[in-house]
Protein backbone atom coordinates (compact mmCIF):
# COMPACT_ATOMS: atom_id res chain seq x y z
CA UNK A 1 117.51 60.85 98.29
CA UNK A 2 119.04 63.46 95.97
CA UNK A 3 116.44 62.64 93.33
CA UNK A 4 113.67 63.13 95.87
CA UNK A 5 115.02 66.57 96.86
CA UNK A 6 115.44 67.54 93.22
CA UNK A 7 111.89 66.43 92.36
CA UNK A 8 110.50 68.25 95.42
CA UNK A 9 112.24 71.49 94.44
CA UNK A 10 111.11 71.11 90.83
CA UNK A 11 107.52 70.51 91.98
CA UNK A 12 107.54 73.64 94.17
CA UNK A 13 108.78 75.87 91.34
CA UNK A 14 106.38 74.31 88.84
CA UNK A 15 103.40 74.96 91.09
CA UNK A 16 104.28 78.54 91.98
CA UNK A 17 102.50 81.33 90.12
CA UNK A 18 102.70 85.08 89.75
CA UNK A 19 100.25 86.45 92.33
CA UNK A 20 100.23 89.90 90.71
CA UNK A 21 98.01 88.60 87.92
CA UNK A 22 95.71 86.84 90.37
CA UNK A 23 95.58 89.82 92.76
CA UNK A 24 95.86 93.05 90.78
CA UNK A 25 96.34 96.33 92.61
CA UNK A 26 93.08 98.17 93.31
CA UNK A 27 92.10 100.85 90.83
CA UNK A 28 91.74 104.28 92.41
CA UNK A 29 90.24 107.41 90.95
CA UNK A 30 91.17 111.07 91.32
CA UNK A 31 87.53 112.11 91.07
CA UNK A 32 86.47 113.96 94.21
CA UNK A 33 87.82 116.51 96.69
CA UNK A 34 91.51 116.58 97.65
CA UNK A 35 93.41 118.70 100.15
CA UNK A 36 96.84 120.24 99.68
CA UNK A 37 98.96 121.33 102.61
CA UNK A 38 102.13 123.46 102.59
CA UNK A 39 103.49 120.87 105.05
CA UNK A 40 103.66 117.60 103.06
CA UNK A 41 103.56 115.58 106.28
CA UNK A 42 100.64 117.34 107.99
CA UNK A 43 97.16 117.36 106.51
CA UNK A 44 95.89 119.61 109.33
CA UNK A 45 97.83 122.52 107.77
CA UNK A 46 95.79 122.27 104.55
CA UNK A 47 94.66 125.56 103.05
CA UNK A 48 93.74 124.48 99.50
CA UNK A 49 91.14 122.08 98.15
CA UNK A 50 91.13 120.73 94.59
CA UNK A 51 87.90 119.25 93.31
CA UNK A 52 88.21 116.86 90.35
CA UNK A 53 84.83 116.66 88.61
CA UNK A 54 84.09 115.32 85.11
CA UNK A 55 87.43 116.37 83.60
CA UNK A 56 87.62 119.74 85.38
CA UNK A 57 89.66 120.76 88.43
CA UNK A 58 88.21 123.48 90.64
CA UNK A 59 90.19 125.19 93.41
CA UNK A 60 89.00 126.53 96.76
CA UNK A 61 91.11 128.27 99.39
CA UNK A 62 90.44 128.44 103.11
CA UNK A 63 92.23 129.23 106.32
CA UNK A 64 94.30 126.50 107.92
CA UNK A 65 92.00 124.41 110.06
CA UNK A 66 88.87 125.36 108.09
CA UNK A 67 86.03 122.88 107.62
CA UNK A 68 86.58 121.90 103.99
CA UNK A 69 83.44 119.76 104.12
CA UNK A 70 81.43 122.98 104.40
CA UNK A 71 82.82 124.37 101.12
CA UNK A 72 80.67 124.07 98.01
CA UNK A 73 80.69 125.29 94.40
CA UNK A 74 80.11 128.89 95.49
CA UNK A 75 83.48 128.86 97.34
CA UNK A 76 85.52 127.98 94.24
CA UNK A 77 87.83 130.56 92.74
CA UNK A 78 86.78 131.64 89.23
CA UNK A 79 87.98 129.43 86.39
CA UNK A 80 89.16 125.83 86.29
CA UNK A 81 91.84 123.53 84.93
CA UNK A 82 91.23 120.35 82.96
CA UNK A 83 92.43 116.82 83.68
CA UNK A 84 92.46 113.26 82.40
CA UNK A 85 93.48 110.19 84.38
CA UNK A 86 94.36 106.70 83.17
CA UNK A 87 95.24 104.81 86.35
CA UNK A 88 98.74 106.09 87.09
CA UNK A 89 99.10 109.13 84.86
CA UNK A 90 97.29 112.33 85.71
CA UNK A 91 97.36 115.00 83.03
CA UNK A 92 96.39 118.19 84.85
CA UNK A 93 96.30 121.44 82.91
CA UNK A 94 98.31 119.73 80.13
CA UNK A 95 101.09 118.66 82.51
CA UNK A 96 101.61 114.91 82.77
CA UNK A 97 102.28 113.56 86.28
CA UNK A 98 102.86 109.99 87.35
CA UNK A 99 100.88 109.35 90.52
CA UNK A 100 100.52 106.54 93.02
CA UNK A 101 98.17 105.99 95.93
CA UNK A 102 98.57 105.07 99.58
CA UNK A 103 96.19 104.50 102.48
CA UNK A 104 93.51 102.71 100.42
CA UNK A 105 93.37 105.56 97.90
CA UNK A 106 93.23 108.28 100.55
CA UNK A 107 96.61 109.78 99.65
CA UNK A 108 97.75 110.62 96.13
CA UNK A 109 101.50 111.01 95.61
CA UNK A 110 102.96 112.81 92.60
CA UNK A 111 106.32 111.73 91.22
CA UNK A 112 107.74 115.08 92.39
CA UNK A 113 106.71 114.57 96.05
CA UNK A 114 103.44 116.45 95.55
CA UNK A 115 100.96 115.01 98.01
CA UNK A 116 97.17 115.32 98.21
CA UNK A 117 94.82 113.90 100.83
CA UNK A 118 91.33 112.78 99.85
CA UNK A 119 88.90 114.92 101.84
CA UNK A 120 86.72 111.94 102.78
CA UNK A 121 89.65 109.81 104.07
CA UNK A 122 91.02 109.46 107.57
CA UNK A 123 94.58 109.28 106.29
CA UNK A 124 97.18 111.51 107.90
């Protein structure tokens, strides 16, 4: 009986695999429009939009509660920052930041509690 239990346990461990290789985390991008809010828990207080486009970051400001979908390139403040992104490291204006994503890529979290909401997401 002991041999049967031992063989059963050995069989279970031998057949198990590392699911992380079989099911990698989804790859998200920073490309697109992101909202910043002075209240890190409330997207409805957003007053700043960052637009990541082809290695450049453009900034637009609006009143709290504004329709950020209505903003376009003519609403950007003059100038831009640059960025690169490699999957979990965002280098924005030469400052390296480790980022992670929540809500199917709709929320980007910076290692220093900086939080951005993707404009097109329904994440709160």
